[in-house]
Amino acid sequence: MPTCAKCENDVKKVYDCDHTDYEEYCVECYTELHYYLTEKD
């Protein structure tokens, strides 16, 4: 089972992209990161 690089929880599915430096994030951390990126402007 993959582990989120941010919250370190075991998760069913992980996501990565250039915003996470290609580290694997769970959907909650990934969504939170992108929400922050889009809302900060």
N, C-alpha and C. Protein backbone atom coordinates (compact mmCIF):
# COMPACT_ATOMS: atom_id res chain seq x y z
N MET A 1 0.85 -1.20 0.00
CA MET A 1 0.00 0.00 0.00
C MET A 1 0.89 1.26 0.00
N PRO A 2 0.63 2.19 -0.90
CA PRO A 2 1.48 3.40 -0.95
C PRO A 2 1.29 4.29 0.27
N THR A 3 2.28 5.09 0.53
CA THR A 3 2.26 6.02 1.66
C THR A 3 2.39 7.44 1.14
N CYS A 4 1.57 8.33 1.68
CA CYS A 4 1.64 9.74 1.31
C CYS A 4 2.94 10.34 1.84
N ALA A 5 3.65 11.08 1.00
CA ALA A 5 4.91 11.70 1.40
C ALA A 5 4.70 12.84 2.37
N LYS A 6 3.51 13.44 2.38
CA LYS A 6 3.24 14.59 3.24
C LYS A 6 2.69 14.18 4.60
N CYS A 7 1.58 13.44 4.61
CA CYS A 7 0.96 13.09 5.89
C CYS A 7 1.39 11.71 6.41
N GLU A 8 2.10 10.96 5.56
CA GLU A 8 2.65 9.65 5.92
C GLU A 8 1.60 8.61 6.27
N ASN A 9 0.37 8.80 5.79
CA ASN A 9 -0.67 7.80 5.97
C ASN A 9 -0.61 6.78 4.84
N ASP A 10 -0.99 5.55 5.16
CA ASP A 10 -1.15 4.54 4.11
C ASP A 10 -2.44 4.84 3.36
N VAL A 11 -2.35 4.93 2.06
CA VAL A 11 -3.51 5.30 1.24
C VAL A 11 -3.67 4.33 0.08
N LYS A 12 -4.88 4.30 -0.49
CA LYS A 12 -5.14 3.40 -1.61
C LYS A 12 -4.53 3.92 -2.90
N LYS A 13 -4.52 5.24 -3.06
CA LYS A 13 -4.07 5.83 -4.32
C LYS A 13 -3.25 7.08 -4.01
N VAL A 14 -2.19 7.27 -4.77
CA VAL A 14 -1.36 8.46 -4.59
C VAL A 14 -1.28 9.24 -5.90
N TYR A 15 -0.98 10.51 -5.77
CA TYR A 15 -0.90 11.41 -6.92
C TYR A 15 0.42 12.17 -6.84
N ASP A 16 1.00 12.45 -7.99
CA ASP A 16 2.21 13.28 -8.00
C ASP A 16 2.20 14.17 -9.24
N CYS A 17 2.96 15.24 -9.14
CA CYS A 17 3.11 16.17 -10.27
C CYS A 17 4.29 17.06 -9.96
N ASP A 18 4.54 18.02 -10.82
CA ASP A 18 5.67 18.92 -10.57
C ASP A 18 5.48 19.74 -9.30
N HIS A 19 4.23 20.00 -8.91
CA HIS A 19 3.99 20.77 -7.69
C HIS A 19 4.39 20.02 -6.42
N THR A 20 4.35 18.70 -6.46
CA THR A 20 4.73 17.90 -5.29
C THR A 20 6.19 17.45 -5.39
N ASP A 21 6.93 18.00 -6.35
CA ASP A 21 8.29 17.55 -6.65
C ASP A 21 8.33 16.06 -6.95
N TYR A 22 7.24 15.57 -7.54
CA TYR A 22 7.08 14.17 -7.91
C TYR A 22 7.14 13.21 -6.73
N GLU A 23 6.84 13.73 -5.54
CA GLU A 23 6.62 12.87 -4.38
C GLU A 23 5.16 12.45 -4.42
N GLU A 24 4.86 11.31 -3.84
CA GLU A 24 3.50 10.77 -3.89
C GLU A 24 2.66 11.30 -2.74
N TYR A 25 1.58 11.99 -3.06
CA TYR A 25 0.66 12.57 -2.08
C TYR A 25 -0.68 11.87 -2.14
N CYS A 26 -1.34 11.73 -1.00
CA CYS A 26 -2.70 11.22 -1.02
C CYS A 26 -3.63 12.29 -1.60
N VAL A 27 -4.85 11.90 -1.90
CA VAL A 27 -5.78 12.83 -2.55
C VAL A 27 -6.05 14.06 -1.68
N GLU A 28 -6.11 13.89 -0.37
CA GLU A 28 -6.38 15.03 0.52
C GLU A 28 -5.24 16.04 0.48
N CYS A 29 -4.01 15.57 0.62
CA CYS A 29 -2.86 16.48 0.59
C CYS A 29 -2.67 17.10 -0.79
N TYR A 30 -2.90 16.30 -1.81
CA TYR A 30 -2.76 16.77 -3.18
C TYR A 30 -3.78 17.87 -3.49
N THR A 31 -5.01 17.65 -3.08
CA THR A 31 -6.07 18.64 -3.29
C THR A 31 -5.79 19.91 -2.50
N GLU A 32 -5.35 19.73 -1.26
CA GLU A 32 -5.03 20.87 -0.39
C GLU A 32 -3.91 21.71 -1.00
N LEU A 33 -2.89 21.05 -1.51
CA LEU A 33 -1.76 21.74 -2.15
C LEU A 33 -2.24 22.56 -3.36
N HIS A 34 -3.03 21.95 -4.23
CA HIS A 34 -3.50 22.65 -5.41
C HIS A 34 -4.49 23.76 -5.08
N TYR A 35 -5.30 23.54 -4.05
CA TYR A 35 -6.21 24.58 -3.59
C TYR A 35 -5.40 25.79 -3.12
N TYR A 36 -4.35 25.54 -2.35
CA TYR A 36 -3.48 26.61 -1.89
C TYR A 36 -2.82 27.33 -3.07
N LEU A 37 -2.34 26.57 -4.02
CA LEU A 37 -1.68 27.18 -5.19
C LEU A 37 -2.62 28.05 -6.00
N THR A 38 -3.88 27.63 -6.13
CA THR A 38 -4.82 28.39 -6.94
C THR A 38 -5.45 29.54 -6.18
N GLU A 39 -5.52 29.45 -4.85
CA GLU A 39 -6.17 30.49 -4.05
C GLU A 39 -5.23 31.60 -3.60
N LYS A 40 -3.93 31.40 -3.67
CA LYS A 40 -3.01 32.38 -3.09
C LYS A 40 -2.86 33.66 -3.92
N ASP A 41 -3.30 33.64 -5.17
CA ASP A 41 -3.18 34.84 -6.02
C ASP A 41 -4.18 35.91 -5.66
